[in-house]
Amino acid sequence: RTLDEMFGKQRALIAEQDKKIAEKDK
């Protein structure tokens, strides 16, 4: 839970950036 609280937002942000990069690659 602590790790999810600490890094959950960063993980979501990274996932969003990965999605944007994939769209640009496409």
PDB file of all heavy atoms in Angstrom:
ATOM      1  N   ARG A   1       0.837  -1.204   0.000  1.00  0.00           N
ATOM      2  CA  ARG A   1       0.000   0.000   0.000  1.00  0.00           C
ATOM      3  C   ARG A   1       0.872   1.255   0.000  1.00  0.00           C
ATOM      4  O   ARG A   1       0.595   2.208  -0.719  1.00  0.00           O
ATOM      5  CB  ARG A   1      -0.918   0.010   1.220  1.00  0.00           C
ATOM      6  CG  ARG A   1      -2.133  -0.822   1.066  1.00  0.00           C
ATOM      7  CD  ARG A   1      -3.117  -0.537   2.208  1.00  0.00           C
ATOM      8  NE  ARG A   1      -4.067  -1.624   2.260  1.00  0.00           N
ATOM      9  CZ  ARG A   1      -4.417  -2.295   3.344  1.00  0.00           C
ATOM     10  NH1 ARG A   1      -3.895  -1.967   4.517  1.00  0.00           N
ATOM     11  NH2 ARG A   1      -5.288  -3.263   3.285  1.00  0.00           N
ATOM     12  N   THR A   2       1.892   1.234   0.840  1.00  0.00           N
ATOM     13  CA  THR A   2       2.795   2.385   0.920  1.00  0.00           C
ATOM     14  C   THR A   2       3.476   2.625  -0.424  1.00  0.00           C
ATOM     15  O   THR A   2       3.537   3.768  -0.897  1.00  0.00           O
ATOM     16  CB  THR A   2       3.854   2.167   2.019  1.00  0.00           C
ATOM     17  OG1 THR A   2       3.184   1.969   3.266  1.00  0.00           O
ATOM     18  CG2 THR A   2       4.790   3.350   2.121  1.00  0.00           C
ATOM     19  N   LEU A   3       3.963   1.559  -1.040  1.00  0.00           N
ATOM     20  CA  LEU A   3       4.609   1.703  -2.343  1.00  0.00           C
ATOM     21  C   LEU A   3       3.626   2.199  -3.399  1.00  0.00           C
ATOM     22  O   LEU A   3       3.960   3.048  -4.229  1.00  0.00           O
ATOM     23  CB  LEU A   3       5.225   0.373  -2.786  1.00  0.00           C
ATOM     24  CG  LEU A   3       6.482  -0.053  -2.043  1.00  0.00           C
ATOM     25  CD1 LEU A   3       6.896  -1.460  -2.481  1.00  0.00           C
ATOM     26  CD2 LEU A   3       7.614   0.934  -2.281  1.00  0.00           C
ATOM     27  N   ASP A   4       2.402   1.677  -3.359  1.00  0.00           N
ATOM     28  CA  ASP A   4       1.389   2.133  -4.312  1.00  0.00           C
ATOM     29  C   ASP A   4       1.089   3.614  -4.124  1.00  0.00           C
ATOM     30  O   ASP A   4       0.914   4.349  -5.089  1.00  0.00           O
ATOM     31  CB  ASP A   4       0.103   1.314  -4.181  1.00  0.00           C
ATOM     32  CG  ASP A   4       0.221  -0.063  -4.812  1.00  0.00           C
ATOM     33  OD1 ASP A   4       1.169  -0.270  -5.610  1.00  0.00           O
ATOM     34  OD2 ASP A   4      -0.625  -0.924  -4.512  1.00  0.00           O
ATOM     35  N   GLU A   5       1.028   4.045  -2.866  1.00  0.00           N
ATOM     36  CA  GLU A   5       0.790   5.464  -2.595  1.00  0.00           C
ATOM     37  C   GLU A   5       1.962   6.318  -3.070  1.00  0.00           C
ATOM     38  O   GLU A   5       1.785   7.386  -3.635  1.00  0.00           O
ATOM     39  CB  GLU A   5       0.545   5.688  -1.099  1.00  0.00           C
ATOM     40  CG  GLU A   5      -0.797   5.197  -0.627  1.00  0.00           C
ATOM     41  CD  GLU A   5      -0.965   5.323   0.878  1.00  0.00           C
ATOM     42  OE1 GLU A   5      -0.141   5.999   1.540  1.00  0.00           O
ATOM     43  OE2 GLU A   5      -1.920   4.726   1.406  1.00  0.00           O
ATOM     44  N   MET A   6       3.168   5.838  -2.835  1.00  0.00           N
ATOM     45  CA  MET A   6       4.362   6.601  -3.194  1.00  0.00           C
ATOM     46  C   MET A   6       4.590   6.634  -4.703  1.00  0.00           C
ATOM     47  O   MET A   6       4.946   7.667  -5.261  1.00  0.00           O
ATOM     48  CB  MET A   6       5.602   6.004  -2.505  1.00  0.00           C
ATOM     49  CG  MET A   6       5.612   6.207  -1.011  1.00  0.00           C
ATOM     50  SD  MET A   6       6.975   5.329  -0.193  1.00  0.00           S
ATOM     51  CE  MET A   6       8.406   6.016  -0.951  1.00  0.00           C
ATOM     52  N   PHE A   7       4.390   5.490  -5.350  1.00  0.00           N
ATOM     53  CA  PHE A   7       4.765   5.382  -6.754  1.00  0.00           C
ATOM     54  C   PHE A   7       3.592   5.186  -7.700  1.00  0.00           C
ATOM     55  O   PHE A   7       3.776   5.116  -8.911  1.00  0.00           O
ATOM     56  CB  PHE A   7       5.770   4.231  -6.931  1.00  0.00           C
ATOM     57  CG  PHE A   7       7.028   4.426  -6.144  1.00  0.00           C
ATOM     58  CD1 PHE A   7       7.304   3.643  -5.044  1.00  0.00           C
ATOM     59  CD2 PHE A   7       7.930   5.414  -6.505  1.00  0.00           C
ATOM     60  CE1 PHE A   7       8.466   3.823  -4.314  1.00  0.00           C
ATOM     61  CE2 PHE A   7       9.091   5.609  -5.775  1.00  0.00           C
ATOM     62  CZ  PHE A   7       9.363   4.812  -4.675  1.00  0.00           C
ATOM     63  N   GLY A   8       2.406   5.113  -7.166  1.00  0.00           N
ATOM     64  CA  GLY A   8       1.235   4.895  -8.006  1.00  0.00           C
ATOM     65  C   GLY A   8       1.051   5.998  -9.040  1.00  0.00           C
ATOM     66  O   GLY A   8       0.771   5.729 -10.210  1.00  0.00           O
ATOM     67  N   LYS A   9       1.209   7.248  -8.612  1.00  0.00           N
ATOM     68  CA  LYS A   9       1.055   8.376  -9.535  1.00  0.00           C
ATOM     69  C   LYS A   9       2.144   8.353 -10.605  1.00  0.00           C
ATOM     70  O   LYS A   9       1.875   8.607 -11.777  1.00  0.00           O
ATOM     71  CB  LYS A   9       1.083   9.704  -8.775  1.00  0.00           C
ATOM     72  CG  LYS A   9      -0.145   9.917  -7.933  1.00  0.00           C
ATOM     73  CD  LYS A   9      -0.088  11.222  -7.184  1.00  0.00           C
ATOM     74  CE  LYS A   9      -1.310  11.359  -6.269  1.00  0.00           C
ATOM     75  NZ  LYS A   9      -1.248  12.583  -5.473  1.00  0.00           N
ATOM     76  N   GLN A  10       3.366   8.027 -10.203  1.00  0.00           N
ATOM     77  CA  GLN A  10       4.456   7.953 -11.166  1.00  0.00           C
ATOM     78  C   GLN A  10       4.206   6.831 -12.170  1.00  0.00           C
ATOM     79  O   GLN A  10       4.450   7.002 -13.365  1.00  0.00           O
ATOM     80  CB  GLN A  10       5.808   7.738 -10.475  1.00  0.00           C
ATOM     81  CG  GLN A  10       6.348   8.953  -9.768  1.00  0.00           C
ATOM     82  CD  GLN A  10       5.775   9.144  -8.375  1.00  0.00           C
ATOM     83  OE1 GLN A  10       4.970   8.353  -7.905  1.00  0.00           O
ATOM     84  NE2 GLN A  10       6.171  10.212  -7.716  1.00  0.00           N
ATOM     85  N   ARG A  11       3.712   5.704 -11.687  1.00  0.00           N
ATOM     86  CA  ARG A  11       3.411   4.589 -12.589  1.00  0.00           C
ATOM     87  C   ARG A  11       2.332   4.982 -13.586  1.00  0.00           C
ATOM     88  O   ARG A  11       2.418   4.662 -14.770  1.00  0.00           O
ATOM     89  CB  ARG A  11       2.980   3.360 -11.801  1.00  0.00           C
ATOM     90  CG  ARG A  11       4.106   2.691 -11.072  1.00  0.00           C
ATOM     91  CD  ARG A  11       3.611   1.487 -10.308  1.00  0.00           C
ATOM     92  NE  ARG A  11       4.690   0.906  -9.515  1.00  0.00           N
ATOM     93  CZ  ARG A  11       4.497   0.209  -8.418  1.00  0.00           C
ATOM     94  NH1 ARG A  11       3.281  -0.009  -7.970  1.00  0.00           N
ATOM     95  NH2 ARG A  11       5.521  -0.283  -7.758  1.00  0.00           N
ATOM     96  N   ALA A  12       1.300   5.668 -13.098  1.00  0.00           N
ATOM     97  CA  ALA A  12       0.219   6.112 -13.982  1.00  0.00           C
ATOM     98  C   ALA A  12       0.747   7.117 -15.000  1.00  0.00           C
ATOM     99  O   ALA A  12       0.384   7.063 -16.183  1.00  0.00           O
ATOM    100  CB  ALA A  12      -0.915   6.720 -13.168  1.00  0.00           C
ATOM    101  N   LEU A  13       1.605   8.013 -14.558  1.00  0.00           N
ATOM    102  CA  LEU A  13       2.187   9.000 -15.457  1.00  0.00           C
ATOM    103  C   LEU A  13       3.060   8.334 -16.514  1.00  0.00           C
ATOM    104  O   LEU A  13       2.978   8.669 -17.708  1.00  0.00           O
ATOM    105  CB  LEU A  13       3.018  10.019 -14.663  1.00  0.00           C
ATOM    106  CG  LEU A  13       3.680  11.136 -15.454  1.00  0.00           C
ATOM    107  CD1 LEU A  13       2.625  11.993 -16.142  1.00  0.00           C
ATOM    108  CD2 LEU A  13       4.532  12.005 -14.535  1.00  0.00           C
ATOM    109  N   ILE A  14       3.856   7.376 -16.097  1.00  0.00           N
ATOM    110  CA  ILE A  14       4.699   6.632 -17.043  1.00  0.00           C
ATOM    111  C   ILE A  14       3.834   5.878 -18.035  1.00  0.00           C
ATOM    112  O   ILE A  14       4.112   5.872 -19.243  1.00  0.00           O
ATOM    113  CB  ILE A  14       5.656   5.677 -16.288  1.00  0.00           C
ATOM    114  CG1 ILE A  14       6.725   6.491 -15.555  1.00  0.00           C
ATOM    115  CG2 ILE A  14       6.296   4.681 -17.248  1.00  0.00           C
ATOM    116  CD1 ILE A  14       7.546   5.692 -14.575  1.00  0.00           C
ATOM    117  N   ALA A  15       2.770   5.265 -17.558  1.00  0.00           N
ATOM    118  CA  ALA A  15       1.868   4.532 -18.454  1.00  0.00           C
ATOM    119  C   ALA A  15       1.244   5.482 -19.472  1.00  0.00           C
ATOM    120  O   ALA A  15       1.127   5.152 -20.659  1.00  0.00           O
ATOM    121  CB  ALA A  15       0.789   3.816 -17.654  1.00  0.00           C
ATOM    122  N   GLU A  16       0.859   6.669 -19.029  1.00  0.00           N
ATOM    123  CA  GLU A  16       0.272   7.666 -19.945  1.00  0.00           C
ATOM    124  C   GLU A  16       1.301   8.126 -20.976  1.00  0.00           C
ATOM    125  O   GLU A  16       0.989   8.263 -22.158  1.00  0.00           O
ATOM    126  CB  GLU A  16      -0.257   8.860 -19.140  1.00  0.00           C
ATOM    127  CG  GLU A  16      -0.931   9.909 -19.974  1.00  0.00           C
ATOM    128  CD  GLU A  16      -2.199   9.435 -20.665  1.00  0.00           C
ATOM    129  OE1 GLU A  16      -2.861   8.524 -20.153  1.00  0.00           O
ATOM    130  OE2 GLU A  16      -2.522   9.977 -21.740  1.00  0.00           O
ATOM    131  N   GLN A  17       2.524   8.353 -20.525  1.00  0.00           N
ATOM    132  CA  GLN A  17       3.586   8.755 -21.455  1.00  0.00           C
ATOM    133  C   GLN A  17       3.876   7.645 -22.456  1.00  0.00           C
ATOM    134  O   GLN A  17       4.087   7.912 -23.639  1.00  0.00           O
ATOM    135  CB  GLN A  17       4.852   9.138 -20.685  1.00  0.00           C
ATOM    136  CG  GLN A  17       4.711  10.378 -19.830  1.00  0.00           C
ATOM    137  CD  GLN A  17       4.386  11.611 -20.644  1.00  0.00           C
ATOM    138  OE1 GLN A  17       4.886  11.805 -21.728  1.00  0.00           O
ATOM    139  NE2 GLN A  17       3.502  12.442 -20.114  1.00  0.00           N
ATOM    140  N   ASP A  18       3.893   6.404 -21.989  1.00  0.00           N
ATOM    141  CA  ASP A  18       4.103   5.262 -22.885  1.00  0.00           C
ATOM    142  C   ASP A  18       3.004   5.212 -23.939  1.00  0.00           C
ATOM    143  O   ASP A  18       3.268   4.929 -25.109  1.00  0.00           O
ATOM    144  CB  ASP A  18       4.137   3.948 -22.107  1.00  0.00           C
ATOM    145  CG  ASP A  18       5.429   3.749 -21.331  1.00  0.00           C
ATOM    146  OD1 ASP A  18       6.407   4.494 -21.593  1.00  0.00           O
ATOM    147  OD2 ASP A  18       5.462   2.849 -20.476  1.00  0.00           O
ATOM    148  N   LYS A  19       1.780   5.474 -23.520  1.00  0.00           N
ATOM    149  CA  LYS A  19       0.645   5.473 -24.453  1.00  0.00           C
ATOM    150  C   LYS A  19       0.824   6.571 -25.510  1.00  0.00           C
ATOM    151  O   LYS A  19       0.613   6.337 -26.699  1.00  0.00           O
ATOM    152  CB  LYS A  19      -0.657   5.678 -23.680  1.00  0.00           C
ATOM    153  CG  LYS A  19      -1.890   5.628 -24.537  1.00  0.00           C
ATOM    154  CD  LYS A  19      -3.142   5.821 -23.682  1.00  0.00           C
ATOM    155  CE  LYS A  19      -4.375   5.905 -24.565  1.00  0.00           C
ATOM    156  NZ  LYS A  19      -5.590   6.170 -23.777  1.00  0.00           N
ATOM    157  N   LYS A  20       1.220   7.760 -25.072  1.00  0.00           N
ATOM    158  CA  LYS A  20       1.432   8.865 -26.010  1.00  0.00           C
ATOM    159  C   LYS A  20       2.554   8.545 -26.993  1.00  0.00           C
ATOM    160  O   LYS A  20       2.455   8.829 -28.183  1.00  0.00           O
ATOM    161  CB  LYS A  20       1.748  10.159 -25.254  1.00  0.00           C
ATOM    162  CG  LYS A  20       0.554  10.748 -24.553  1.00  0.00           C
ATOM    163  CD  LYS A  20       0.934  12.013 -23.804  1.00  0.00           C
ATOM    164  CE  LYS A  20      -0.247  12.586 -23.045  1.00  0.00           C
ATOM    165  NZ  LYS A  20       0.110  13.803 -22.299  1.00  0.00           N
ATOM    166  N   ILE A  21       3.619   7.952 -26.493  1.00  0.00           N
ATOM    167  CA  ILE A  21       4.745   7.573 -27.353  1.00  0.00           C
ATOM    168  C   ILE A  21       4.303   6.528 -28.372  1.00  0.00           C
ATOM    169  O   ILE A  21       4.657   6.613 -29.552  1.00  0.00           O
ATOM    170  CB  ILE A  21       5.937   7.072 -26.507  1.00  0.00           C
ATOM    171  CG1 ILE A  21       6.561   8.239 -25.749  1.00  0.00           C
ATOM    172  CG2 ILE A  21       6.967   6.368 -27.376  1.00  0.00           C
ATOM    173  CD1 ILE A  21       7.572   7.839 -24.701  1.00  0.00           C
ATOM    174  N   ALA A  22       3.511   5.571 -27.931  1.00  0.00           N
ATOM    175  CA  ALA A  22       3.019   4.539 -28.845  1.00  0.00           C
ATOM    176  C   ALA A  22       2.142   5.161 -29.940  1.00  0.00           C
ATOM    177  O   ALA A  22       2.234   4.782 -31.110  1.00  0.00           O
ATOM    178  CB  ALA A  22       2.234   3.477 -28.076  1.00  0.00           C
ATOM    179  N   GLU A  23       1.316   6.135 -29.562  1.00  0.00           N
ATOM    180  CA  GLU A  23       0.467   6.814 -30.549  1.00  0.00           C
ATOM    181  C   GLU A  23       1.328   7.587 -31.553  1.00  0.00           C
ATOM    182  O   GLU A  23       1.061   7.573 -32.757  1.00  0.00           O
ATOM    183  CB  GLU A  23      -0.514   7.748 -29.853  1.00  0.00           C
ATOM    184  CG  GLU A  23      -1.601   7.021 -29.084  1.00  0.00           C
ATOM    185  CD  GLU A  23      -2.440   7.934 -28.203  1.00  0.00           C
ATOM    186  OE1 GLU A  23      -2.174   9.158 -28.148  1.00  0.00           O
ATOM    187  OE2 GLU A  23      -3.374   7.423 -27.553  1.00  0.00           O
ATOM    188  N   LYS A  24       2.359   8.258 -31.059  1.00  0.00           N
ATOM    189  CA  LYS A  24       3.251   9.003 -31.952  1.00  0.00           C
ATOM    190  C   LYS A  24       4.011   8.054 -32.869  1.00  0.00           C
ATOM    191  O   LYS A  24       4.201   8.345 -34.052  1.00  0.00           O
ATOM    192  CB  LYS A  24       4.221   9.868 -31.145  1.00  0.00           C
ATOM    193  CG  LYS A  24       3.560  11.067 -30.506  1.00  0.00           C
ATOM    194  CD  LYS A  24       4.546  11.907 -29.714  1.00  0.00           C
ATOM    195  CE  LYS A  24       3.859  13.083 -29.071  1.00  0.00           C
ATOM    196  NZ  LYS A  24       4.771  13.921 -28.291  1.00  0.00           N
ATOM    197  N   ASP A  25       4.455   6.936 -32.332  1.00  0.00           N
ATOM    198  CA  ASP A  25       5.140   5.930 -33.149  1.00  0.00           C
ATOM    199  C   ASP A  25       4.230   5.418 -34.256  1.00  0.00           C
ATOM    200  O   ASP A  25       4.655   5.255 -35.400  1.00  0.00           O
ATOM    201  CB  ASP A  25       5.622   4.755 -32.297  1.00  0.00           C
ATOM    202  CG  ASP A  25       6.854   5.083 -31.470  1.00  0.00           C
ATOM    203  OD1 ASP A  25       7.488   6.134 -31.724  1.00  0.00           O
ATOM    204  OD2 ASP A  25       7.184   4.287 -30.561  1.00  0.00           O
ATOM    205  N   LYS A  26       2.978   5.184 -33.900  1.00  0.00           N
ATOM    206  CA  LYS A  26       2.012   4.704 -34.886  1.00  0.00           C
ATOM    207  C   LYS A  26       1.822   5.751 -35.989  1.00  0.00           C
ATOM    208  O   LYS A  26       1.808   5.415 -37.174  1.00  0.00           O
ATOM    209  CB  LYS A  26       0.671   4.401 -34.216  1.00  0.00           C
ATOM    210  CG  LYS A  26      -0.375   3.870 -35.151  1.00  0.00           C
ATOM    211  CD  LYS A  26      -1.681   3.583 -34.430  1.00  0.00           C
ATOM    212  CE  LYS A  26      -2.746   3.145 -35.415  1.00  0.00           C
ATOM    213  NZ  LYS A  26      -4.046   2.951 -34.786  1.00  0.00           N
TER     214      LYS A  26
END
